Amino acid sequence: MSVYTVVGDEALANWLSRYHLGSLVESRGIAAGITNTNYFVTTTRGRFVLTLFEDLQLEELPYYLNLMSHLARHGVACPAPIADDSDRFVSLLEGKPACLVTCLEGADITHPSPLQCRKVGEMLAALHKAGSTYPARMDNPRGPSWWSRVSTTLYGYLDADEAASLRAELRFQESQRFLHLPAGVIHADLFRDNVLMKGDDIAGFIDFYYACNDVLLYDVAIAVNDWARRDDGTIDDDLASAFLAGYQSSRPLSSGEIEAWPAMLRAAALRFWVSRLQDYHEPSPGAMTYTKDPGVFRRLAEAHRGRTSFWL
């Protein structure tokens, strides 16, 4: 979450008049994250999260917002989008598509416990199972073809060692085939800052705007790469084991998924290595933004190459 588009109180109050949420009390920009503009919005009826979409178009948004509504109705802890008086989840604000969702109680955590990792694994499995009945489809816009295309624009910024390492990882992933694995709706960005915790319980998964249809195991790898990662970039075996145990308590992995797991961890690291390189070297202008270190995922991808134990 970030602020790229500044929304004044008058414009926001006028936009809110199409909802039955009372009068605007205050709004406050949310600086964490790197993709969309986000505000906490407080009205006389409560507190909400406003998102203005910087890249997604109006016609693309029903997939994400209807998905959140579907998951919330099926017991997955996540924000529910709010419909306006025309029964729409999204409309234009300051020329950008915008929506309101419920604001969940809880906070993200930086140092999860094994129990918290297990709970997140369980809820991710619940998301994958609930997503199996969601009828809409969205191909992954940041899959292997995207990695390859964007990487060609980045090599000129990198030193020789990093460029060689990135090319080697892309070549490895080009040799992998995952299409036979179970697929469906994935969150695709389930980092620690996209999960709100209330003690050891999950208040909700947030920021569904990378959600898409892809291999379910890829979603698990993205999450483990962040939830089990220590401050020094290494993986904590206890956290990784707890996450996977929680996930498999609801949705056991198949033999094919277990076989593909080491390569999938590398694929998940590569995706965020490339996206963070792009954000770092070719940033979008914004009033409040936070660019994250791409080196974290370079080191993780390289560490996974030599790993022999994978917690399964």
Protein backbone atom coordinates (compact mmCIF):
# COMPACT_ATOMS: atom_id res chain seq x y z
CA MET A 1 0.00 0.00 0.00
CA SER A 2 1.16 3.53 -0.84
CA VAL A 3 -0.09 6.99 -1.76
CA TYR A 4 0.48 8.06 -5.36
CA THR A 5 -2.78 10.00 -5.89
CA VAL A 6 -3.59 12.68 -3.33
CA VAL A 7 -7.31 12.86 -2.47
CA GLY A 8 -8.62 16.03 -0.86
CA ASP A 9 -11.31 15.98 1.80
CA GLU A 10 -13.89 17.73 -0.40
CA ALA A 11 -13.47 15.27 -3.27
CA LEU A 12 -13.53 12.32 -0.87
CA ALA A 13 -16.65 13.59 0.93
CA ASN A 14 -18.45 14.01 -2.39
CA TRP A 15 -17.47 10.49 -3.45
CA LEU A 16 -18.58 9.04 -0.11
CA SER A 17 -22.02 10.59 -0.53
CA ARG A 18 -22.97 7.67 -2.78
CA TYR A 19 -22.52 5.32 0.20
CA HIS A 20 -24.66 5.09 3.33
CA LEU A 21 -21.72 5.44 5.70
CA GLY A 22 -22.34 8.79 7.34
CA SER A 23 -20.12 11.85 7.05
CA LEU A 24 -16.34 12.00 6.56
CA VAL A 25 -14.43 12.52 9.80
CA GLU A 26 -10.84 12.11 8.57
CA SER A 27 -8.62 10.30 6.08
CA ARG A 28 -5.00 9.24 6.46
CA GLY A 29 -2.64 7.95 3.79
CA ILE A 30 -1.04 4.52 4.19
CA ALA A 31 2.63 4.57 3.19
CA ALA A 32 3.60 0.87 3.33
CA GLY A 33 3.58 -1.08 0.07
CA ILE A 34 4.36 -0.18 -3.51
CA THR A 35 1.41 -0.60 -5.89
CA ASN A 36 -1.84 1.29 -5.20
CA THR A 37 -2.94 4.41 -3.32
CA ASN A 38 -4.49 3.61 0.06
CA TYR A 39 -6.10 5.60 2.85
CA PHE A 40 -7.69 4.84 6.17
CA VAL A 41 -11.06 6.60 6.01
CA THR A 42 -13.08 7.31 9.14
CA THR A 43 -16.74 8.32 8.90
CA THR A 44 -19.43 8.78 11.49
CA ARG A 45 -20.35 5.13 10.81
CA GLY A 46 -16.91 3.54 11.23
CA ARG A 47 -13.45 3.05 9.76
CA PHE A 48 -12.73 1.74 6.27
CA VAL A 49 -9.89 1.30 3.79
CA LEU A 50 -10.03 3.28 0.54
CA THR A 51 -7.99 2.00 -2.41
CA LEU A 52 -7.35 3.92 -5.65
CA PHE A 53 -5.95 1.66 -8.35
CA GLU A 54 -2.93 3.08 -10.14
CA ASP A 55 -2.53 0.38 -12.79
CA LEU A 56 -5.66 -1.76 -12.84
CA GLN A 57 -8.50 -0.55 -15.02
CA LEU A 58 -12.17 -0.27 -14.07
CA GLU A 59 -13.12 -3.31 -16.15
CA GLU A 60 -10.44 -5.49 -14.51
CA LEU A 61 -11.55 -4.92 -10.92
CA PRO A 62 -14.68 -7.09 -10.65
CA TYR A 63 -12.46 -10.20 -10.55
CA TYR A 64 -10.70 -9.03 -7.38
CA LEU A 65 -13.60 -7.40 -5.57
CA ASN A 66 -16.09 -10.17 -6.30
CA LEU A 67 -13.42 -12.65 -5.18
CA MET A 68 -13.03 -10.92 -1.81
CA SER A 69 -16.79 -10.92 -1.37
CA HIS A 70 -16.91 -14.63 -2.30
CA LEU A 71 -14.12 -15.57 0.11
CA ALA A 72 -15.60 -13.56 2.99
CA ARG A 73 -18.94 -15.34 2.50
CA HIS A 74 -17.14 -18.71 2.61
CA GLY A 75 -15.39 -18.15 5.92
CA VAL A 76 -12.01 -16.86 4.74
CA ALA A 77 -10.81 -13.99 6.95
CA CYS A 78 -10.50 -11.03 4.59
CA PRO A 79 -11.97 -7.54 4.04
CA ALA A 80 -15.39 -7.35 2.41
CA PRO A 81 -15.90 -4.73 -0.31
CA ILE A 82 -18.74 -2.29 0.27
CA ALA A 83 -21.34 -1.57 -2.42
CA ASP A 84 -22.51 1.99 -3.12
CA ASP A 85 -26.14 3.05 -3.63
CA SER A 86 -25.95 1.76 -7.23
CA ASP A 87 -24.77 -1.66 -5.98
CA ARG A 88 -21.27 -1.13 -7.37
CA PHE A 89 -18.06 -2.06 -5.59
CA VAL A 90 -15.91 0.34 -7.65
CA SER A 91 -16.24 3.79 -9.24
CA LEU A 92 -13.96 6.69 -10.24
CA LEU A 93 -12.35 9.03 -7.70
CA GLU A 94 -9.83 11.64 -8.84
CA GLY A 95 -9.91 9.89 -12.22
CA LYS A 96 -8.85 6.53 -10.74
CA PRO A 97 -10.94 3.42 -10.05
CA ALA A 98 -11.59 3.33 -6.30
CA CYS A 99 -13.27 1.08 -3.75
CA LEU A 100 -13.99 0.87 -0.04
CA VAL A 101 -13.54 -2.26 2.03
CA THR A 102 -14.12 -3.05 5.67
CA CYS A 103 -11.22 -2.19 7.97
CA LEU A 104 -10.21 -5.22 10.02
CA GLU A 105 -8.97 -5.08 13.59
CA GLY A 106 -5.45 -6.38 13.97
CA ALA A 107 -1.91 -5.61 12.84
CA ASP A 108 0.79 -7.17 10.75
CA ILE A 109 3.71 -8.77 12.56
CA THR A 110 7.41 -8.83 11.78
CA HIS A 111 8.52 -11.87 13.78
CA PRO A 112 5.88 -14.63 13.66
CA SER A 113 5.84 -17.62 15.97
CA PRO A 114 5.46 -21.22 14.76
CA LEU A 115 1.83 -21.16 15.95
CA GLN A 116 1.10 -18.01 13.95
CA CYS A 117 2.74 -19.55 10.88
CA ARG A 118 0.61 -22.64 11.30
CA LYS A 119 -2.56 -20.53 11.51
CA VAL A 120 -1.64 -18.66 8.32
CA GLY A 121 -0.96 -21.96 6.54
CA GLU A 122 -4.38 -23.24 7.61
CA MET A 123 -6.13 -20.10 6.37
CA LEU A 124 -4.27 -20.19 3.05
CA ALA A 125 -5.53 -23.73 2.52
CA ALA A 126 -9.05 -22.49 3.35
CA LEU A 127 -8.65 -19.76 0.73
CA HIS A 128 -7.57 -22.30 -1.90
CA LYS A 129 -10.53 -24.55 -1.10
CA ALA A 130 -13.05 -21.68 -1.10
CA GLY A 131 -11.58 -20.37 -4.35
CA SER A 132 -12.41 -23.64 -6.08
CA THR A 133 -16.04 -22.49 -6.37
CA TYR A 134 -15.24 -18.98 -7.62
CA PRO A 135 -16.37 -18.89 -11.28
CA ALA A 136 -14.31 -16.00 -12.69
CA ARG A 137 -10.78 -16.48 -14.03
CA MET A 138 -7.70 -14.24 -14.23
CA ASP A 139 -4.42 -15.51 -15.67
CA ASN A 140 -1.35 -14.57 -13.64
CA PRO A 141 -0.06 -11.26 -15.07
CA ARG A 142 3.32 -11.76 -13.37
CA GLY A 143 4.11 -15.29 -14.39
CA PRO A 144 7.16 -16.68 -16.24
CA SER A 145 6.64 -14.66 -19.44
CA TRP A 146 6.56 -11.48 -17.35
CA TRP A 147 9.75 -12.44 -15.48
CA SER A 148 11.59 -12.97 -18.75
CA ARG A 149 10.31 -9.81 -20.43
CA VAL A 150 11.02 -7.48 -17.51
CA SER A 151 14.45 -8.99 -16.84
CA THR A 152 15.67 -7.93 -20.27
CA THR A 153 15.10 -4.29 -19.27
CA LEU A 154 16.97 -4.71 -15.96
CA TYR A 155 20.30 -6.28 -16.88
CA GLY A 156 21.82 -2.88 -17.69
CA TYR A 157 21.35 -1.76 -14.08
CA LEU A 158 23.02 -4.84 -12.55
CA ASP A 159 26.62 -5.71 -11.88
CA ALA A 160 28.04 -8.74 -13.70
CA ASP A 161 27.56 -11.16 -10.82
CA GLU A 162 23.90 -10.32 -10.23
CA ALA A 163 23.09 -10.32 -13.94
CA ALA A 164 24.69 -13.77 -14.31
CA SER A 165 22.79 -15.09 -11.31
CA LEU A 166 19.48 -13.74 -12.61
CA ARG A 167 20.06 -15.27 -16.05
CA ALA A 168 20.92 -18.62 -14.47
CA GLU A 169 17.71 -18.63 -12.43
CA LEU A 170 15.60 -17.74 -15.45
CA ARG A 171 17.19 -20.57 -17.45
CA PHE A 172 16.45 -23.01 -14.65
CA GLN A 173 12.82 -21.98 -14.43
CA GLU A 174 12.42 -22.26 -18.21
CA SER A 175 13.25 -25.97 -17.81
CA GLN A 176 10.48 -26.55 -15.24
CA ARG A 177 6.90 -27.65 -15.98
CA PHE A 178 4.18 -27.10 -13.39
CA LEU A 179 1.00 -27.24 -15.48
CA HIS A 180 0.12 -30.72 -14.18
CA LEU A 181 -0.15 -29.47 -10.60
CA PRO A 182 -3.42 -28.47 -8.89
CA ALA A 183 -4.40 -24.91 -9.79
CA GLY A 184 -7.05 -22.38 -8.83
CA VAL A 185 -7.40 -18.99 -7.16
CA ILE A 186 -4.22 -17.79 -5.42
CA HIS A 187 -3.51 -14.69 -3.35
CA ALA A 188 -0.04 -14.36 -4.98
CA ASP A 189 1.30 -11.83 -2.43
CA LEU A 190 0.74 -13.33 1.01
CA PHE A 191 3.60 -11.62 2.82
CA ARG A 192 3.57 -10.83 6.53
CA ASP A 193 2.41 -7.27 5.84
CA ASN A 194 -0.64 -8.64 4.00
CA VAL A 195 -1.93 -10.58 7.00
CA LEU A 196 -3.45 -8.87 10.02
CA MET A 197 -3.06 -10.79 13.27
CA LYS A 198 -4.89 -10.39 16.55
CA GLY A 199 -2.65 -12.27 18.96
CA ASP A 200 -2.28 -15.76 17.54
CA ASP A 201 -5.51 -15.48 15.53
CA ILE A 202 -5.88 -14.20 12.00
CA ALA A 203 -7.93 -11.02 11.67
CA GLY A 204 -7.69 -11.18 7.90
CA PHE A 205 -5.73 -11.54 4.69
CA ILE A 206 -5.56 -8.21 2.84
CA ASP A 207 -4.39 -6.72 -0.49
CA PHE A 208 -5.88 -9.17 -2.98
CA TYR A 209 -4.93 -7.12 -6.05
CA TYR A 210 -2.35 -9.63 -7.31
CA ALA A 211 -4.82 -12.51 -6.91
CA CYS A 212 -5.19 -14.66 -10.00
CA ASN A 213 -5.54 -18.24 -11.19
CA ASP A 214 -2.32 -20.21 -11.03
CA VAL A 215 -0.72 -23.26 -9.45
CA LEU A 216 -1.70 -23.49 -5.76
CA LEU A 217 1.78 -24.64 -4.71
CA TYR A 218 3.23 -21.37 -6.05
CA ASP A 219 1.08 -19.47 -3.54
CA VAL A 220 2.38 -21.66 -0.72
CA ALA A 221 5.98 -21.03 -1.80
CA ILE A 222 5.47 -17.25 -1.92
CA ALA A 223 4.10 -17.31 1.62
CA VAL A 224 6.77 -19.62 3.08
CA ASN A 225 9.54 -17.52 1.52
CA ASP A 226 8.36 -14.56 3.59
CA TRP A 227 6.76 -16.01 6.72
CA ALA A 228 9.68 -18.33 7.50
CA ARG A 229 12.45 -15.88 6.59
CA ARG A 230 14.67 -14.54 9.37
CA ASP A 231 16.02 -10.98 9.44
CA ASP A 232 19.32 -12.21 7.95
CA GLY A 233 17.47 -13.72 4.97
CA THR A 234 17.84 -17.36 5.95
CA ILE A 235 14.86 -19.67 6.40
CA ASP A 236 13.85 -20.73 9.91
CA ASP A 237 13.19 -24.47 9.74
CA ASP A 238 10.65 -24.42 12.58
CA LEU A 239 8.59 -21.64 10.98
CA ALA A 240 8.62 -23.29 7.56
CA SER A 241 7.65 -26.66 9.01
CA ALA A 242 4.83 -25.10 11.04
CA PHE A 243 3.43 -23.24 8.02
CA LEU A 244 3.45 -26.37 5.86
CA ALA A 245 1.95 -28.50 8.62
CA GLY A 246 -0.89 -26.01 9.01
CA TYR A 247 -1.54 -25.92 5.28
CA GLN A 248 -1.47 -29.69 4.91
CA SER A 249 -3.79 -30.20 7.88
CA SER A 250 -6.53 -28.91 5.57
CA ARG A 251 -5.17 -29.57 2.09
CA PRO A 252 -2.44 -32.27 1.91
CA LEU A 253 0.05 -31.83 -0.92
CA SER A 254 0.11 -34.41 -3.68
CA SER A 255 3.22 -36.42 -4.56
CA GLY A 256 3.64 -34.24 -7.65
CA GLU A 257 3.51 -31.08 -5.56
CA ILE A 258 6.08 -32.44 -3.11
CA GLU A 259 8.40 -33.29 -6.00
CA ALA A 260 8.02 -29.80 -7.48
CA TRP A 261 8.40 -27.97 -4.15
CA PRO A 262 12.16 -27.18 -4.30
CA ALA A 263 11.86 -25.63 -7.77
CA MET A 264 8.70 -23.77 -6.78
CA LEU A 265 10.45 -22.09 -3.85
CA ARG A 266 12.99 -20.77 -6.34
CA ALA A 267 10.24 -19.63 -8.73
CA ALA A 268 8.54 -17.68 -5.94
CA ALA A 269 11.84 -16.03 -4.98
CA LEU A 270 12.57 -15.16 -8.62
CA ARG A 271 9.20 -13.45 -9.11
CA PHE A 272 9.85 -11.01 -6.25
CA TRP A 273 13.52 -10.58 -7.09
CA VAL A 274 12.47 -9.32 -10.54
CA SER A 275 9.58 -7.15 -9.33
CA ARG A 276 11.69 -5.51 -6.62
CA LEU A 277 14.48 -4.86 -9.11
CA GLN A 278 11.94 -3.14 -11.35
CA ASP A 279 10.53 -1.08 -8.46
CA TYR A 280 14.05 -0.12 -7.36
CA HIS A 281 15.53 0.83 -10.73
CA GLU A 282 12.37 2.05 -12.49
CA PRO A 283 10.18 3.40 -9.65
CA SER A 284 6.75 4.93 -10.14
CA PRO A 285 6.47 8.53 -8.90
CA GLY A 286 4.44 8.83 -5.71
CA ALA A 287 3.71 11.15 -2.82
CA MET A 288 4.34 8.43 -0.23
CA THR A 289 6.10 5.25 -1.34
CA TYR A 290 8.27 2.52 0.12
CA THR A 291 10.66 0.58 -2.11
CA LYS A 292 11.84 -2.78 -0.79
CA ASP A 293 15.30 -4.34 -1.10
CA PRO A 294 15.54 -6.67 -4.14
CA GLY A 295 18.68 -8.27 -2.70
CA VAL A 296 16.56 -10.17 -0.16
CA PHE A 297 15.10 -12.35 -2.89
CA ARG A 298 18.31 -12.68 -4.84
CA ARG A 299 19.95 -14.16 -1.74
CA LEU A 300 16.95 -16.37 -1.08
CA ALA A 301 16.87 -17.74 -4.64
CA GLU A 302 20.58 -18.48 -4.46
CA ALA A 303 20.21 -20.14 -1.05
CA HIS A 304 17.40 -22.39 -2.34
CA ARG A 305 19.73 -23.65 -5.11
CA GLY A 306 21.93 -25.35 -2.55
CA ARG A 307 19.22 -26.40 -0.12
CA THR A 308 18.88 -30.13 0.67
CA SER A 309 16.11 -30.08 3.30
CA PHE A 310 12.67 -28.69 2.38
CA TRP A 311 10.50 -29.32 5.51
CA LEU A 312 8.20 -31.93 3.89
